[in-house]
């Protein structure tokens, strides 16, 4: 898994790109929580539940169904987030789903039960470039943890920042017709 710090990159980048009118501070907080919440499943280790069990690490809580359930909760909680129901559901659900998808890009562990309950198969992405994080928070700042953080900076934080910047620029162009017209005039024609 990426570190708990890195799962927050997705909601932060989306909030940067979409702006505070769509992603209110309260909705951003909910998105950050939704992006890290799946890793509470590490409690399963303390309860004697095997890693490979559906209720073990990277199981049910990393599934798209879990993300959808959080999206439904966000739909109903939207007034608390000072958001529209649609924005709350899409943002929180997307942030929760990003957790399992990022974990699938790591080079360790047992994979992610992304399609639970329809399949208990644990999946990895074909491209596994993120160094898997130590499960212990104290080991995140060890020598191994520094290697993981460098990997996350390269493969998660920089792309997330770039995506957020592109969304921000598109939003600015869309909201300011003069900027859009100026950008069109400066672009080379066919």
Protein backbone atom coordinates (compact mmCIF):
# COMPACT_ATOMS: atom_id res chain seq x y z
CA UNK A 1 0.00 0.00 0.00
CA UNK A 2 1.12 3.57 -0.40
CA UNK A 3 1.54 5.37 2.92
CA UNK A 4 -1.51 6.86 4.58
CA UNK A 5 -0.08 10.28 3.70
CA UNK A 6 -0.07 9.52 -0.02
CA UNK A 7 -3.66 8.34 -0.28
CA UNK A 8 -4.62 11.96 0.47
CA UNK A 9 -2.93 13.11 -2.77
CA UNK A 10 -6.03 12.29 -4.83
CA UNK A 11 -8.57 14.39 -2.90
CA UNK A 12 -6.06 17.24 -2.52
CA UNK A 13 -5.31 17.30 -6.26
CA UNK A 14 -8.99 17.11 -7.16
CA UNK A 15 -9.83 19.93 -4.76
CA UNK A 16 -7.06 22.07 -6.27
CA UNK A 17 -8.32 21.40 -9.76
CA UNK A 18 -12.05 21.64 -9.15
CA UNK A 19 -11.98 24.61 -6.78
CA UNK A 20 -13.62 25.38 -3.45
CA UNK A 21 -17.02 26.16 -4.97
CA UNK A 22 -17.38 22.50 -5.94
CA UNK A 23 -15.13 20.91 -3.30
CA UNK A 24 -15.86 22.79 -0.10
CA UNK A 25 -13.38 22.52 2.78
CA UNK A 26 -15.76 20.15 4.58
CA UNK A 27 -16.14 18.00 1.47
CA UNK A 28 -12.36 17.96 1.05
CA UNK A 29 -12.01 16.71 4.64
CA UNK A 30 -14.57 13.96 3.91
CA UNK A 31 -12.66 13.02 0.75
CA UNK A 32 -9.36 12.79 2.61
CA UNK A 33 -10.99 10.60 5.26
CA UNK A 34 -12.57 8.41 2.55
CA UNK A 35 -9.20 8.04 0.82
CA UNK A 36 -7.48 6.69 3.96
CA UNK A 37 -10.42 4.89 5.62
CA UNK A 38 -9.88 1.55 3.81
CA UNK A 39 -6.61 1.04 5.69
CA UNK A 40 -8.46 0.78 9.00
CA UNK A 41 -8.72 -2.84 7.96
CA UNK A 42 -5.27 -3.38 9.50
CA UNK A 43 -7.24 -3.84 12.74
CA UNK A 44 -7.99 -7.28 11.30
CA UNK A 45 -4.42 -8.33 12.15
CA UNK A 46 -5.10 -7.60 15.83
CA UNK A 47 -8.36 -9.55 15.65
CA UNK A 48 -6.63 -12.62 14.22
CA UNK A 49 -8.19 -12.27 10.76
CA UNK A 50 -5.82 -13.49 8.08
CA UNK A 51 -4.49 -11.00 5.53
CA UNK A 52 -5.90 -13.18 2.73
CA UNK A 53 -9.44 -13.25 4.19
CA UNK A 54 -12.09 -11.03 2.56
CA UNK A 55 -12.23 -9.02 5.79
CA UNK A 56 -8.43 -8.92 6.03
CA UNK A 57 -6.11 -6.22 4.71
CA UNK A 58 -6.91 -5.05 1.16
CA UNK A 59 -10.18 -6.96 1.17
CA UNK A 60 -13.74 -5.63 1.48
CA UNK A 61 -12.70 -2.12 2.52
CA UNK A 62 -10.66 -1.74 -0.68
CA UNK A 63 -13.52 -2.78 -2.97
CA UNK A 64 -15.53 -0.63 -5.34
CA UNK A 65 -18.65 -1.65 -3.39
CA UNK A 66 -17.17 -0.10 -0.24
CA UNK A 67 -16.44 3.09 -2.20
CA UNK A 68 -20.02 3.07 -3.51
CA UNK A 69 -21.38 2.71 0.03
CA UNK A 70 -19.32 5.72 1.12
CA UNK A 71 -20.68 7.60 -1.89
CA UNK A 72 -24.25 6.84 -0.76
CA UNK A 73 -23.42 8.08 2.75
CA UNK A 74 -21.93 11.24 1.25
CA UNK A 75 -25.10 11.75 -0.83
CA UNK A 76 -27.13 11.92 2.38
CA UNK A 77 -24.50 13.90 4.28
CA UNK A 78 -24.08 16.50 1.52
CA UNK A 79 -25.75 19.31 3.53
CA UNK A 80 -23.14 18.79 6.27
CA UNK A 81 -20.42 19.20 3.64
CA UNK A 82 -22.12 22.33 2.24
CA UNK A 83 -22.15 20.57 -1.09
CA UNK A 84 -24.59 19.29 -3.65
CA UNK A 85 -25.57 15.66 -3.25
CA UNK A 86 -24.11 14.75 -6.63
CA UNK A 87 -20.76 16.44 -5.96
CA UNK A 88 -20.51 14.89 -2.49
CA UNK A 89 -21.27 11.37 -3.73
CA UNK A 90 -18.93 11.55 -6.72
CA UNK A 91 -16.09 13.15 -4.78
CA UNK A 92 -16.21 10.89 -1.72
CA UNK A 93 -16.84 7.75 -3.77
CA UNK A 94 -14.00 8.59 -6.15
CA UNK A 95 -11.60 9.33 -3.29
CA UNK A 96 -12.47 6.03 -1.60
CA UNK A 97 -12.11 4.08 -4.87
CA UNK A 98 -8.70 5.67 -5.48
CA UNK A 99 -7.36 3.87 -2.41
CA UNK A 100 -7.72 0.38 -3.83
CA UNK A 101 -6.60 1.51 -7.27
CA UNK A 102 -3.39 3.02 -5.85
CA UNK A 103 -2.75 -0.12 -3.79
CA UNK A 104 -3.01 -2.17 -7.00
CA UNK A 105 0.00 -0.22 -8.33
CA UNK A 106 2.28 -1.37 -5.50
CA UNK A 107 4.93 -4.06 -5.83
CA UNK A 108 4.01 -6.05 -2.71
CA UNK A 109 1.24 -7.52 -0.63
CA UNK A 110 -1.51 -9.86 -1.74
CA UNK A 111 -3.41 -7.64 -4.16
CA UNK A 112 -6.79 -5.92 -3.81
CA UNK A 113 -10.29 -7.46 -3.74
CA UNK A 114 -11.54 -4.68 -6.00
CA UNK A 115 -14.67 -6.50 -7.15
CA UNK A 116 -15.77 -8.02 -3.83
CA UNK A 117 -18.43 -9.52 -3.28
CA UNK A 118 -18.65 -10.62 -6.92
CA UNK A 119 -15.09 -11.92 -6.84
CA UNK A 120 -12.65 -12.56 -4.02
CA UNK A 121 -9.76 -12.59 -6.48
CA UNK A 122 -7.02 -10.23 -5.38
CA UNK A 123 -5.80 -8.05 -8.21
CA UNK A 124 -2.73 -6.01 -9.07
CA UNK A 125 -2.34 -3.59 -11.94
CA UNK A 126 -0.16 -4.70 -14.84
CA UNK A 127 2.12 -1.79 -14.03
CA UNK A 128 3.33 -2.08 -10.39
CA UNK A 129 5.65 0.87 -9.89
CA UNK A 130 4.91 2.10 -6.35
CA UNK A 131 7.11 0.65 -3.62
CA UNK A 132 4.91 -1.07 -1.06
CA UNK A 133 4.80 0.74 2.28
CA UNK A 134 5.64 -0.86 5.61
CA UNK A 135 2.45 -1.58 7.56
CA UNK A 136 3.86 0.02 10.71
CA UNK A 137 3.66 3.82 10.83
CA UNK A 138 6.91 3.95 12.84
CA UNK A 139 8.74 2.16 10.00
CA UNK A 140 7.51 4.70 7.41
CA UNK A 141 10.32 7.03 8.50
CA UNK A 142 13.01 4.34 8.41
CA UNK A 143 15.47 3.88 5.53
CA UNK A 144 12.97 1.62 3.76
CA UNK A 145 10.22 4.14 4.42
CA UNK A 146 12.25 6.91 2.76
CA UNK A 147 12.57 4.77 -0.39
CA UNK A 148 8.78 4.28 -0.34
CA UNK A 149 8.16 8.02 0.09
CA UNK A 150 10.47 8.80 -2.84
CA UNK A 151 8.58 6.29 -4.98
CA UNK A 152 5.26 7.84 -3.95
CA UNK A 153 6.50 11.32 -4.75
CA UNK A 154 7.42 10.21 -8.27
CA UNK A 155 4.44 7.95 -9.05
CA UNK A 156 1.59 9.54 -7.07
CA UNK A 157 2.24 13.08 -5.86
CA UNK A 158 3.78 14.50 -9.05
CA UNK A 159 1.09 13.04 -11.37
CA UNK A 160 -1.65 14.13 -8.94
CA UNK A 161 -0.23 17.65 -8.81
CA UNK A 162 0.00 17.75 -12.61
CA UNK A 163 -3.62 16.54 -12.96
CA UNK A 164 -4.77 19.10 -10.39
CA UNK A 165 -2.92 21.87 -12.21
CA UNK A 166 -4.47 20.88 -15.56
CA UNK A 167 -7.97 20.83 -14.02
CA UNK A 168 -7.25 24.22 -12.40
CA UNK A 169 -6.12 25.72 -15.73
CA UNK A 170 -9.14 24.31 -17.56
CA UNK A 171 -11.46 25.69 -14.88
CA UNK A 172 -9.83 29.12 -15.16
CA UNK A 173 -10.12 29.12 -18.95
CA UNK A 174 -13.74 28.06 -18.78
CA UNK A 175 -14.68 30.69 -16.21
CA UNK A 176 -12.90 33.53 -17.97
CA UNK A 177 -13.90 33.90 -21.65
CA UNK A 178 -11.18 36.52 -22.20
CA UNK A 179 -8.47 34.05 -21.14
CA UNK A 180 -9.97 31.34 -23.35
CA UNK A 181 -10.08 33.70 -26.35
CA UNK A 182 -6.49 34.81 -25.70
CA UNK A 183 -5.32 31.17 -25.48
CA UNK A 184 -7.08 30.40 -28.75
CA UNK A 185 -5.43 33.36 -30.50
CA UNK A 186 -1.96 32.31 -29.25
CA UNK A 187 -2.23 28.66 -30.27
CA UNK A 188 -0.80 27.75 -33.66
CA UNK A 189 -3.45 26.98 -36.26
CA UNK A 190 -3.57 24.00 -38.65
